[in-house]
Amino acid sequence: MNAATQCFKVLEHLKYIGSLTQAKALELYGIARLTSRVNDLKRKGIVINTRTIPAKNRFGETVHVTEYSLPKGEKSE
């Protein structure tokens, strides 16, 4: 899957489903470089919010991951 297709999938997910993390992008779409796709979208002028959230890794340890979302009002409900 090329970068343009991955960008489309990421944007559609953010619009219609909601926030997205690296783990979820890999699981759902096979996108291993979510940060790169988000940066591609930002360079095209799309505003994407970024925040760090706590999560558990496979060993049960608390880690911090990045969650991407669109600003309020940008989602299609």
N, C-alpha and C. Protein backbone atom coordinates (compact mmCIF):
# COMPACT_ATOMS: atom_id res chain seq x y z
N MET A 1 0.86 -1.17 0.00
CA MET A 1 0.00 0.00 0.00
C MET A 1 0.90 1.23 0.00
N ASN A 2 0.63 2.18 -0.89
CA ASN A 2 1.50 3.36 -0.97
C ASN A 2 1.09 4.44 0.05
N ALA A 3 1.93 5.45 0.18
CA ALA A 3 1.72 6.49 1.19
C ALA A 3 0.40 7.24 0.98
N ALA A 4 0.02 7.49 -0.27
CA ALA A 4 -1.23 8.22 -0.53
C ALA A 4 -2.43 7.40 -0.06
N THR A 5 -2.41 6.10 -0.30
CA THR A 5 -3.49 5.23 0.15
C THR A 5 -3.53 5.18 1.67
N GLN A 6 -2.37 5.11 2.30
CA GLN A 6 -2.31 5.10 3.76
C GLN A 6 -2.84 6.40 4.34
N CYS A 7 -2.49 7.53 3.72
CA CYS A 7 -2.99 8.82 4.18
C CYS A 7 -4.51 8.86 4.09
N PHE A 8 -5.06 8.35 2.99
CA PHE A 8 -6.51 8.31 2.82
C PHE A 8 -7.15 7.48 3.93
N LYS A 9 -6.60 6.32 4.23
CA LYS A 9 -7.16 5.46 5.26
C LYS A 9 -7.09 6.13 6.64
N VAL A 10 -5.97 6.78 6.92
CA VAL A 10 -5.82 7.47 8.21
C VAL A 10 -6.85 8.59 8.33
N LEU A 11 -6.98 9.41 7.31
CA LEU A 11 -7.92 10.52 7.35
C LEU A 11 -9.36 10.03 7.47
N GLU A 12 -9.71 8.99 6.73
CA GLU A 12 -11.06 8.43 6.82
C GLU A 12 -11.33 7.90 8.23
N HIS A 13 -10.36 7.24 8.82
CA HIS A 13 -10.52 6.74 10.18
C HIS A 13 -10.75 7.89 11.15
N LEU A 14 -9.92 8.92 11.06
CA LEU A 14 -10.06 10.07 11.95
C LEU A 14 -11.41 10.75 11.78
N LYS A 15 -11.90 10.84 10.56
CA LYS A 15 -13.18 11.50 10.30
C LYS A 15 -14.37 10.69 10.79
N TYR A 16 -14.37 9.40 10.49
CA TYR A 16 -15.58 8.60 10.70
C TYR A 16 -15.55 7.68 11.91
N ILE A 17 -14.37 7.38 12.42
CA ILE A 17 -14.28 6.47 13.56
C ILE A 17 -13.79 7.21 14.80
N GLY A 18 -12.76 8.03 14.64
CA GLY A 18 -12.24 8.79 15.78
C GLY A 18 -10.74 8.67 15.89
N SER A 19 -10.24 8.75 17.10
CA SER A 19 -8.80 8.80 17.34
C SER A 19 -8.11 7.52 16.89
N LEU A 20 -6.78 7.65 16.70
CA LEU A 20 -6.00 6.53 16.18
C LEU A 20 -4.62 6.53 16.83
N THR A 21 -4.16 5.35 17.24
CA THR A 21 -2.81 5.16 17.76
C THR A 21 -2.02 4.30 16.80
N GLN A 22 -0.72 4.25 17.00
CA GLN A 22 0.14 3.43 16.14
C GLN A 22 -0.28 1.97 16.17
N ALA A 23 -0.55 1.45 17.35
CA ALA A 23 -0.93 0.04 17.48
C ALA A 23 -2.21 -0.26 16.70
N LYS A 24 -3.19 0.64 16.80
CA LYS A 24 -4.46 0.43 16.11
C LYS A 24 -4.29 0.57 14.60
N ALA A 25 -3.45 1.52 14.15
CA ALA A 25 -3.20 1.69 12.72
C ALA A 25 -2.54 0.45 12.14
N LEU A 26 -1.63 -0.14 12.88
CA LEU A 26 -0.96 -1.36 12.42
C LEU A 26 -1.94 -2.52 12.38
N GLU A 27 -2.74 -2.66 13.42
CA GLU A 27 -3.71 -3.75 13.51
C GLU A 27 -4.78 -3.65 12.42
N LEU A 28 -5.35 -2.46 12.24
CA LEU A 28 -6.47 -2.31 11.31
C LEU A 28 -6.06 -2.18 9.85
N TYR A 29 -4.97 -1.45 9.60
CA TYR A 29 -4.64 -1.08 8.23
C TYR A 29 -3.24 -1.51 7.78
N GLY A 30 -2.45 -2.08 8.67
CA GLY A 30 -1.10 -2.47 8.32
C GLY A 30 -0.17 -1.29 8.13
N ILE A 31 -0.51 -0.15 8.73
CA ILE A 31 0.30 1.06 8.61
C ILE A 31 1.32 1.07 9.74
N ALA A 32 2.60 0.88 9.38
CA ALA A 32 3.66 0.80 10.39
C ALA A 32 4.27 2.16 10.70
N ARG A 33 4.02 3.16 9.87
CA ARG A 33 4.62 4.49 10.08
C ARG A 33 3.52 5.55 10.17
N LEU A 34 2.69 5.43 11.17
CA LEU A 34 1.57 6.35 11.34
C LEU A 34 2.03 7.79 11.47
N THR A 35 3.09 8.04 12.22
CA THR A 35 3.58 9.41 12.40
C THR A 35 3.93 10.05 11.06
N SER A 36 4.53 9.28 10.16
CA SER A 36 4.86 9.80 8.83
C SER A 36 3.61 10.16 8.05
N ARG A 37 2.58 9.32 8.14
CA ARG A 37 1.34 9.61 7.41
C ARG A 37 0.64 10.83 8.00
N VAL A 38 0.67 10.98 9.32
CA VAL A 38 0.09 12.15 9.97
C VAL A 38 0.83 13.40 9.52
N ASN A 39 2.16 13.34 9.46
CA ASN A 39 2.94 14.49 9.00
C ASN A 39 2.64 14.82 7.54
N ASP A 40 2.43 13.80 6.70
CA ASP A 40 2.04 14.04 5.31
C ASP A 40 0.73 14.81 5.25
N LEU A 41 -0.24 14.40 6.07
CA LEU A 41 -1.54 15.07 6.09
C LEU A 41 -1.41 16.50 6.61
N LYS A 42 -0.60 16.70 7.62
CA LYS A 42 -0.40 18.04 8.16
C LYS A 42 0.24 18.96 7.12
N ARG A 43 1.17 18.43 6.32
CA ARG A 43 1.78 19.23 5.26
C ARG A 43 0.77 19.64 4.20
N LYS A 44 -0.31 18.88 4.09
CA LYS A 44 -1.39 19.23 3.15
C LYS A 44 -2.38 20.20 3.76
N GLY A 45 -2.12 20.64 5.00
CA GLY A 45 -2.96 21.64 5.64
C GLY A 45 -4.04 21.09 6.55
N ILE A 46 -4.06 19.80 6.79
CA ILE A 46 -5.07 19.20 7.65
C ILE A 46 -4.60 19.32 9.10
N VAL A 47 -5.46 19.85 9.95
CA VAL A 47 -5.13 20.01 11.36
C VAL A 47 -5.43 18.71 12.08
N ILE A 48 -4.42 18.15 12.74
CA ILE A 48 -4.58 16.91 13.48
C ILE A 48 -4.03 17.14 14.88
N ASN A 49 -4.85 16.84 15.87
CA ASN A 49 -4.44 16.98 17.27
C ASN A 49 -3.60 15.77 17.68
N THR A 50 -2.63 16.03 18.54
CA THR A 50 -1.76 14.98 19.06
C THR A 50 -1.76 15.07 20.58
N ARG A 51 -1.91 13.93 21.22
CA ARG A 51 -1.79 13.91 22.68
C ARG A 51 -1.17 12.59 23.11
N THR A 52 -0.52 12.61 24.25
CA THR A 52 0.11 11.42 24.80
C THR A 52 -0.82 10.84 25.86
N ILE A 53 -1.09 9.53 25.74
CA ILE A 53 -1.98 8.87 26.68
C ILE A 53 -1.27 7.66 27.28
N PRO A 54 -1.63 7.28 28.52
CA PRO A 54 -1.05 6.07 29.11
C PRO A 54 -1.72 4.83 28.52
N ALA A 55 -0.96 3.75 28.39
CA ALA A 55 -1.48 2.46 27.92
C ALA A 55 -0.66 1.37 28.58
N LYS A 56 -1.14 0.15 28.49
CA LYS A 56 -0.40 -0.99 29.03
C LYS A 56 0.27 -1.72 27.87
N ASN A 57 1.53 -2.10 28.06
CA ASN A 57 2.20 -2.91 27.05
C ASN A 57 1.89 -4.38 27.29
N ARG A 58 2.46 -5.27 26.49
CA ARG A 58 2.15 -6.69 26.61
C ARG A 58 2.64 -7.31 27.91
N PHE A 59 3.49 -6.61 28.64
CA PHE A 59 3.97 -7.08 29.93
C PHE A 59 3.20 -6.48 31.10
N GLY A 60 2.17 -5.69 30.79
CA GLY A 60 1.35 -5.07 31.82
C GLY A 60 1.95 -3.80 32.39
N GLU A 61 3.02 -3.32 31.79
CA GLU A 61 3.66 -2.09 32.26
C GLU A 61 2.98 -0.88 31.63
N THR A 62 2.93 0.20 32.37
CA THR A 62 2.35 1.43 31.84
C THR A 62 3.38 2.12 30.94
N VAL A 63 2.94 2.43 29.74
CA VAL A 63 3.77 3.16 28.77
C VAL A 63 2.94 4.34 28.27
N HIS A 64 3.56 5.22 27.53
CA HIS A 64 2.84 6.36 26.96
C HIS A 64 2.88 6.25 25.45
N VAL A 65 1.72 6.41 24.82
CA VAL A 65 1.61 6.33 23.36
C VAL A 65 0.96 7.61 22.84
N THR A 66 1.18 7.87 21.57
CA THR A 66 0.59 9.06 20.93
C THR A 66 -0.73 8.70 20.31
N GLU A 67 -1.71 9.55 20.55
CA GLU A 67 -3.05 9.38 19.98
C GLU A 67 -3.33 10.59 19.08
N TYR A 68 -3.78 10.33 17.87
CA TYR A 68 -4.09 11.39 16.91
C TYR A 68 -5.60 11.49 16.75
N SER A 69 -6.08 12.72 16.59
CA SER A 69 -7.51 12.96 16.37
C SER A 69 -7.70 14.26 15.61
N LEU A 70 -8.89 14.43 15.08
CA LEU A 70 -9.24 15.69 14.43
C LEU A 70 -9.84 16.63 15.46
N PRO A 71 -9.71 17.93 15.26
CA PRO A 71 -10.35 18.88 16.17
C PRO A 71 -11.86 18.68 16.21
N LYS A 72 -12.48 19.09 17.30
CA LYS A 72 -13.94 19.01 17.40
C LYS A 72 -14.57 19.72 16.22
N GLY A 73 -15.63 19.14 15.69
CA GLY A 73 -16.31 19.76 14.56
C GLY A 73 -15.75 19.33 13.21
N GLU A 74 -14.61 18.64 13.19
CA GLU A 74 -14.01 18.19 11.93
C GLU A 74 -14.45 16.78 11.59
N LYS A 75 -15.06 16.08 12.55
CA LYS A 75 -15.49 14.71 12.31
C LYS A 75 -16.86 14.70 11.67
N SER A 76 -17.10 13.71 10.83
CA SER A 76 -18.43 13.51 10.25
C SER A 76 -19.14 12.47 11.10
N GLU A 77 -20.15 12.88 11.77
CA GLU A 77 -20.89 11.97 12.65
C GLU A 77 -21.94 11.23 11.89
